Amino acid sequence: MGIWQIADGVYTIVYYGFFKTSMILKEINADSSTSLINSEFIFICSFGTLLVILGLVNILMSKKYIHDETTSKKVGFYLCAQSLFSYFILDIISLILGMSAGVIYLAKNKSIKLKKVQGS
């Protein structure tokens, strides 16, 4: 999920931020609309940066907190919350990846806890 979000953020910044905005500016030569285009550019680049940061956080969390035979409800709920965010921004691939990772992680936690209880 982290790699997808980084790629999606970079694609958003490069394609929609730089390429599309420059194409619109070439078509429109009016000075009055440049402030609107600049505001759109800033919003698009901020959104792409947010996606890149979320992807980096996912990769760092997976390296730091996800290990064999360890449990943490926070990571599973974080993945589900991030999937909900992906639902609102209509990023279907992140939604599917995040929900499946969150549900699998929470199920893994449950099986580890049951294993510890039965082993005692």
N, C-alpha and C. Protein backbone atom coordinates (compact mmCIF):
# COMPACT_ATOMS: atom_id res chain seq x y z
N MET A 1 0.83 -1.19 0.00
CA MET A 1 0.00 0.00 0.00
C MET A 1 0.87 1.25 0.00
N GLY A 2 1.97 1.19 0.73
CA GLY A 2 2.86 2.35 0.80
C GLY A 2 3.50 2.67 -0.53
N ILE A 3 3.92 1.64 -1.25
CA ILE A 3 4.54 1.86 -2.55
C ILE A 3 3.53 2.43 -3.53
N TRP A 4 2.29 1.91 -3.49
CA TRP A 4 1.25 2.43 -4.37
C TRP A 4 0.96 3.90 -4.07
N GLN A 5 0.90 4.26 -2.79
CA GLN A 5 0.60 5.64 -2.43
C GLN A 5 1.72 6.59 -2.85
N ILE A 6 2.95 6.15 -2.73
CA ILE A 6 4.07 6.98 -3.18
C ILE A 6 4.00 7.17 -4.69
N ALA A 7 3.77 6.09 -5.42
CA ALA A 7 3.68 6.20 -6.87
C ALA A 7 2.49 7.07 -7.29
N ASP A 8 1.37 6.92 -6.61
CA ASP A 8 0.18 7.72 -6.91
C ASP A 8 0.42 9.19 -6.61
N GLY A 9 1.11 9.49 -5.51
CA GLY A 9 1.41 10.87 -5.16
C GLY A 9 2.36 11.53 -6.15
N VAL A 10 3.39 10.80 -6.55
CA VAL A 10 4.33 11.34 -7.53
C VAL A 10 3.64 11.55 -8.87
N TYR A 11 2.80 10.60 -9.27
CA TYR A 11 2.04 10.74 -10.52
C TYR A 11 1.11 11.94 -10.46
N THR A 12 0.46 12.14 -9.33
CA THR A 12 -0.44 13.28 -9.16
C THR A 12 0.32 14.60 -9.28
N ILE A 13 1.46 14.68 -8.62
CA ILE A 13 2.24 15.92 -8.67
C ILE A 13 2.77 16.18 -10.07
N VAL A 14 3.36 15.18 -10.69
CA VAL A 14 4.00 15.38 -11.99
C VAL A 14 2.98 15.59 -13.09
N TYR A 15 2.02 14.68 -13.20
CA TYR A 15 1.09 14.76 -14.32
C TYR A 15 0.06 15.86 -14.15
N TYR A 16 -0.67 15.81 -13.04
CA TYR A 16 -1.75 16.79 -12.86
C TYR A 16 -1.22 18.14 -12.40
N GLY A 17 -0.14 18.15 -11.63
CA GLY A 17 0.40 19.41 -11.14
C GLY A 17 1.15 20.18 -12.18
N PHE A 18 2.15 19.54 -12.77
CA PHE A 18 3.01 20.26 -13.71
C PHE A 18 2.50 20.21 -15.15
N PHE A 19 2.22 19.01 -15.64
CA PHE A 19 1.89 18.86 -17.05
C PHE A 19 0.54 19.47 -17.40
N LYS A 20 -0.50 19.10 -16.67
CA LYS A 20 -1.84 19.61 -16.97
C LYS A 20 -1.93 21.12 -16.74
N THR A 21 -1.33 21.61 -15.66
CA THR A 21 -1.38 23.04 -15.37
C THR A 21 -0.65 23.84 -16.45
N SER A 22 0.48 23.33 -16.92
CA SER A 22 1.19 24.06 -17.98
C SER A 22 0.41 24.02 -19.28
N MET A 23 -0.30 22.94 -19.55
CA MET A 23 -1.13 22.87 -20.77
C MET A 23 -2.28 23.87 -20.68
N ILE A 24 -2.89 24.01 -19.50
CA ILE A 24 -3.99 24.96 -19.34
C ILE A 24 -3.46 26.39 -19.48
N LEU A 25 -2.29 26.66 -18.90
CA LEU A 25 -1.72 28.01 -19.01
C LEU A 25 -1.37 28.37 -20.44
N LYS A 26 -0.97 27.38 -21.24
CA LYS A 26 -0.67 27.66 -22.65
C LYS A 26 -1.94 27.99 -23.43
N GLU A 27 -3.05 27.33 -23.07
CA GLU A 27 -4.31 27.58 -23.76
C GLU A 27 -4.93 28.90 -23.36
N ILE A 28 -4.78 29.27 -22.08
CA ILE A 28 -5.37 30.51 -21.58
C ILE A 28 -4.25 31.53 -21.40
N ASN A 29 -4.38 32.62 -22.07
CA ASN A 29 -3.36 33.66 -21.97
C ASN A 29 -3.81 34.83 -21.11
N ALA A 30 -4.91 34.67 -20.40
CA ALA A 30 -5.43 35.77 -19.58
C ALA A 30 -4.73 35.78 -18.23
N ASP A 31 -4.42 36.97 -17.75
CA ASP A 31 -3.75 37.10 -16.46
C ASP A 31 -4.71 36.90 -15.29
N SER A 32 -5.99 37.12 -15.52
CA SER A 32 -6.95 37.01 -14.42
C SER A 32 -7.14 35.57 -13.97
N SER A 33 -6.93 34.62 -14.84
CA SER A 33 -7.15 33.22 -14.47
C SER A 33 -5.90 32.56 -13.91
N THR A 34 -4.76 33.20 -13.94
CA THR A 34 -3.54 32.58 -13.44
C THR A 34 -3.57 32.38 -11.94
N SER A 35 -4.25 33.24 -11.21
CA SER A 35 -4.33 33.04 -9.76
C SER A 35 -5.17 31.81 -9.43
N LEU A 36 -6.21 31.56 -10.22
CA LEU A 36 -7.00 30.35 -10.04
C LEU A 36 -6.18 29.12 -10.38
N ILE A 37 -5.41 29.17 -11.44
CA ILE A 37 -4.56 28.05 -11.84
C ILE A 37 -3.47 27.82 -10.79
N ASN A 38 -2.91 28.89 -10.24
CA ASN A 38 -1.90 28.75 -9.19
C ASN A 38 -2.48 28.11 -7.94
N SER A 39 -3.69 28.49 -7.58
CA SER A 39 -4.35 27.88 -6.42
C SER A 39 -4.61 26.40 -6.67
N GLU A 40 -5.01 26.07 -7.87
CA GLU A 40 -5.25 24.67 -8.22
C GLU A 40 -3.93 23.89 -8.18
N PHE A 41 -2.87 24.49 -8.68
CA PHE A 41 -1.56 23.84 -8.66
C PHE A 41 -1.09 23.57 -7.24
N ILE A 42 -1.26 24.53 -6.36
CA ILE A 42 -0.86 24.36 -4.96
C ILE A 42 -1.68 23.25 -4.30
N PHE A 43 -2.98 23.21 -4.56
CA PHE A 43 -3.83 22.16 -4.00
C PHE A 43 -3.41 20.79 -4.50
N ILE A 44 -3.17 20.66 -5.79
CA ILE A 44 -2.79 19.37 -6.37
C ILE A 44 -1.44 18.91 -5.82
N CYS A 45 -0.49 19.79 -5.74
CA CYS A 45 0.83 19.42 -5.21
C CYS A 45 0.76 19.09 -3.72
N SER A 46 -0.08 19.79 -2.97
CA SER A 46 -0.26 19.47 -1.55
C SER A 46 -0.89 18.10 -1.37
N PHE A 47 -1.87 17.79 -2.20
CA PHE A 47 -2.53 16.49 -2.14
C PHE A 47 -1.56 15.37 -2.51
N GLY A 48 -0.76 15.58 -3.53
CA GLY A 48 0.25 14.59 -3.92
C GLY A 48 1.29 14.39 -2.84
N THR A 49 1.69 15.46 -2.20
CA THR A 49 2.64 15.37 -1.10
C THR A 49 2.05 14.61 0.07
N LEU A 50 0.76 14.82 0.36
CA LEU A 50 0.08 14.07 1.41
C LEU A 50 0.10 12.57 1.10
N LEU A 51 -0.15 12.20 -0.15
CA LEU A 51 -0.12 10.79 -0.53
C LEU A 51 1.28 10.20 -0.36
N VAL A 52 2.30 10.95 -0.75
CA VAL A 52 3.68 10.47 -0.60
C VAL A 52 4.02 10.29 0.87
N ILE A 53 3.62 11.22 1.71
CA ILE A 53 3.90 11.12 3.15
C ILE A 53 3.17 9.92 3.76
N LEU A 54 1.91 9.71 3.39
CA LEU A 54 1.18 8.55 3.89
C LEU A 54 1.84 7.24 3.45
N GLY A 55 2.34 7.20 2.23
CA GLY A 55 3.04 6.02 1.76
C GLY A 55 4.32 5.76 2.53
N LEU A 56 5.08 6.82 2.81
CA LEU A 56 6.30 6.66 3.60
C LEU A 56 5.99 6.22 5.03
N VAL A 57 4.92 6.76 5.62
CA VAL A 57 4.52 6.34 6.96
C VAL A 57 4.13 4.87 6.96
N ASN A 58 3.42 4.42 5.93
CA ASN A 58 3.05 3.00 5.85
C ASN A 58 4.28 2.10 5.77
N ILE A 59 5.24 2.49 4.96
CA ILE A 59 6.45 1.67 4.84
C ILE A 59 7.23 1.65 6.15
N LEU A 60 7.38 2.81 6.79
CA LEU A 60 8.10 2.87 8.07
C LEU A 60 7.38 2.09 9.16
N MET A 61 6.05 2.18 9.19
CA MET A 61 5.29 1.42 10.19
C MET A 61 5.42 -0.08 9.96
N SER A 62 5.42 -0.50 8.72
CA SER A 62 5.54 -1.93 8.45
C SER A 62 6.91 -2.46 8.85
N LYS A 63 7.94 -1.65 8.67
CA LYS A 63 9.29 -2.07 9.07
C LYS A 63 9.45 -2.08 10.59
N LYS A 64 8.81 -1.13 11.26
CA LYS A 64 9.02 -0.99 12.70
C LYS A 64 8.08 -1.84 13.54
N TYR A 65 6.80 -1.93 13.17
CA TYR A 65 5.81 -2.53 14.07
C TYR A 65 5.32 -3.90 13.65
N ILE A 66 5.46 -4.28 12.42
CA ILE A 66 4.91 -5.56 11.98
C ILE A 66 6.01 -6.60 11.95
N HIS A 67 5.95 -7.50 12.94
CA HIS A 67 6.90 -8.61 13.07
C HIS A 67 6.12 -9.87 13.37
N ASP A 68 6.77 -11.01 13.18
CA ASP A 68 6.12 -12.28 13.51
C ASP A 68 5.93 -12.39 15.03
N GLU A 69 4.81 -12.96 15.41
CA GLU A 69 4.45 -13.24 16.80
C GLU A 69 4.33 -11.98 17.66
N THR A 70 4.06 -10.84 17.06
CA THR A 70 3.78 -9.62 17.82
C THR A 70 2.38 -9.13 17.47
N THR A 71 1.74 -8.51 18.43
CA THR A 71 0.39 -8.00 18.20
C THR A 71 0.34 -6.51 18.52
N SER A 72 -0.48 -5.81 17.74
CA SER A 72 -0.72 -4.38 17.96
C SER A 72 -2.02 -4.02 17.26
N LYS A 73 -3.02 -3.66 18.06
CA LYS A 73 -4.30 -3.27 17.46
C LYS A 73 -4.19 -1.93 16.75
N LYS A 74 -3.28 -1.08 17.20
CA LYS A 74 -3.16 0.26 16.63
C LYS A 74 -2.82 0.21 15.14
N VAL A 75 -1.96 -0.70 14.74
CA VAL A 75 -1.56 -0.78 13.34
C VAL A 75 -2.74 -1.21 12.48
N GLY A 76 -3.49 -2.20 12.92
CA GLY A 76 -4.66 -2.66 12.17
C GLY A 76 -5.72 -1.58 12.04
N PHE A 77 -5.98 -0.88 13.12
CA PHE A 77 -6.96 0.20 13.06
C PHE A 77 -6.45 1.38 12.24
N TYR A 78 -5.14 1.63 12.27
CA TYR A 78 -4.56 2.68 11.43
C TYR A 78 -4.75 2.34 9.95
N LEU A 79 -4.52 1.09 9.59
CA LEU A 79 -4.72 0.68 8.21
C LEU A 79 -6.18 0.80 7.79
N CYS A 80 -7.08 0.44 8.67
CA CYS A 80 -8.52 0.58 8.36
C CYS A 80 -8.92 2.06 8.26
N ALA A 81 -8.37 2.91 9.12
CA ALA A 81 -8.67 4.34 9.05
C ALA A 81 -8.10 4.95 7.78
N GLN A 82 -6.93 4.52 7.39
CA GLN A 82 -6.35 5.03 6.16
C GLN A 82 -7.15 4.53 4.94
N SER A 83 -7.72 3.35 5.05
CA SER A 83 -8.58 2.85 3.98
C SER A 83 -9.85 3.68 3.88
N LEU A 84 -10.38 4.09 5.01
CA LEU A 84 -11.55 4.96 5.01
C LEU A 84 -11.23 6.29 4.35
N PHE A 85 -10.05 6.83 4.62
CA PHE A 85 -9.59 8.05 3.95
C PHE A 85 -9.50 7.81 2.44
N SER A 86 -8.98 6.65 2.05
CA SER A 86 -8.88 6.31 0.62
C SER A 86 -10.26 6.21 -0.02
N TYR A 87 -11.23 5.76 0.74
CA TYR A 87 -12.61 5.69 0.24
C TYR A 87 -13.13 7.09 -0.06
N PHE A 88 -12.86 8.05 0.83
CA PHE A 88 -13.36 9.40 0.64
C PHE A 88 -12.67 10.13 -0.52
N ILE A 89 -11.41 9.79 -0.80
CA ILE A 89 -10.74 10.44 -1.92
C ILE A 89 -10.86 9.60 -3.20
N LEU A 90 -11.61 8.51 -3.13
CA LEU A 90 -11.89 7.63 -4.27
C LEU A 90 -10.63 6.99 -4.85
N ASP A 91 -9.72 6.61 -3.99
CA ASP A 91 -8.54 5.85 -4.40
C ASP A 91 -8.86 4.37 -4.14
N ILE A 92 -9.43 3.73 -5.12
CA ILE A 92 -9.96 2.38 -4.95
C ILE A 92 -8.85 1.37 -4.69
N ILE A 93 -7.71 1.52 -5.33
CA ILE A 93 -6.61 0.57 -5.13
C ILE A 93 -6.11 0.64 -3.69
N SER A 94 -5.92 1.84 -3.15
CA SER A 94 -5.50 1.98 -1.76
C SER A 94 -6.57 1.46 -0.81
N LEU A 95 -7.82 1.66 -1.16
CA LEU A 95 -8.92 1.15 -0.34
C LEU A 95 -8.86 -0.36 -0.25
N ILE A 96 -8.71 -1.02 -1.37
CA ILE A 96 -8.66 -2.49 -1.37
C ILE A 96 -7.42 -2.99 -0.65
N LEU A 97 -6.27 -2.40 -0.92
CA LEU A 97 -5.03 -2.82 -0.27
C LEU A 97 -5.07 -2.58 1.24
N GLY A 98 -5.56 -1.42 1.64
CA GLY A 98 -5.60 -1.08 3.06
C GLY A 98 -6.59 -1.92 3.85
N MET A 99 -7.78 -2.11 3.30
CA MET A 99 -8.77 -2.93 4.01
C MET A 99 -8.32 -4.38 4.12
N SER A 100 -7.77 -4.92 3.05
CA SER A 100 -7.31 -6.30 3.13
C SER A 100 -6.14 -6.43 4.10
N ALA A 101 -5.20 -5.48 4.08
CA ALA A 101 -4.07 -5.53 5.01
C ALA A 101 -4.54 -5.35 6.45
N GLY A 102 -5.47 -4.43 6.69
CA GLY A 102 -5.97 -4.21 8.05
C GLY A 102 -6.72 -5.41 8.59
N VAL A 103 -7.59 -6.01 7.78
CA VAL A 103 -8.36 -7.18 8.23
C VAL A 103 -7.44 -8.37 8.46
N ILE A 104 -6.50 -8.58 7.56
CA ILE A 104 -5.55 -9.70 7.73
C ILE A 104 -4.69 -9.48 8.97
N TYR A 105 -4.26 -8.24 9.20
CA TYR A 105 -3.43 -7.96 10.37
C TYR A 105 -4.21 -8.17 11.66
N LEU A 106 -5.45 -7.70 11.70
CA LEU A 106 -6.27 -7.91 12.91
C LEU A 106 -6.59 -9.39 13.12
N ALA A 107 -6.80 -10.16 12.04
CA ALA A 107 -7.03 -11.60 12.17
C ALA A 107 -5.77 -12.31 12.65
N LYS A 108 -4.62 -11.85 12.19
CA LYS A 108 -3.35 -12.42 12.65
C LYS A 108 -3.17 -12.16 14.15
N ASN A 109 -3.52 -10.96 14.60
CA ASN A 109 -3.45 -10.66 16.03
C ASN A 109 -4.34 -11.59 16.84
N LYS A 110 -5.55 -11.83 16.33
CA LYS A 110 -6.49 -12.70 17.04
C LYS A 110 -5.95 -14.12 17.13
N SER A 111 -5.36 -14.62 16.05
CA SER A 111 -4.83 -15.99 16.08
C SER A 111 -3.63 -16.10 17.00
N ILE A 112 -2.79 -15.07 17.05
CA ILE A 112 -1.64 -15.09 17.97
C ILE A 112 -2.11 -15.08 19.42
N LYS A 113 -3.14 -14.29 19.73
CA LYS A 113 -3.67 -14.25 21.09
C LYS A 113 -4.30 -15.59 21.47
N LEU A 114 -5.04 -16.20 20.57
CA LEU A 114 -5.63 -17.52 20.84
C LEU A 114 -4.55 -18.59 21.03
N LYS A 115 -3.51 -18.49 20.27
CA LYS A 115 -2.40 -19.44 20.38
C LYS A 115 -1.72 -19.31 21.74
N LYS A 116 -1.55 -18.07 22.22
CA LYS A 116 -0.92 -17.85 23.52
C LYS A 116 -1.81 -18.35 24.64
N VAL A 117 -3.14 -18.17 24.51
CA VAL A 117 -4.06 -18.63 25.55
C VAL A 117 -4.09 -20.15 25.60
N GLN A 118 -4.11 -20.80 24.45
CA GLN A 118 -4.15 -22.26 24.41
C GLN A 118 -2.82 -22.87 24.82
N GLY A 119 -1.74 -22.16 24.60
CA GLY A 119 -0.41 -22.65 24.96
C GLY A 119 -0.14 -22.56 26.45
N SER A 120 -0.88 -21.75 27.18
CA SER A 120 -0.63 -21.54 28.62
C SER A 120 -1.10 -22.68 29.45
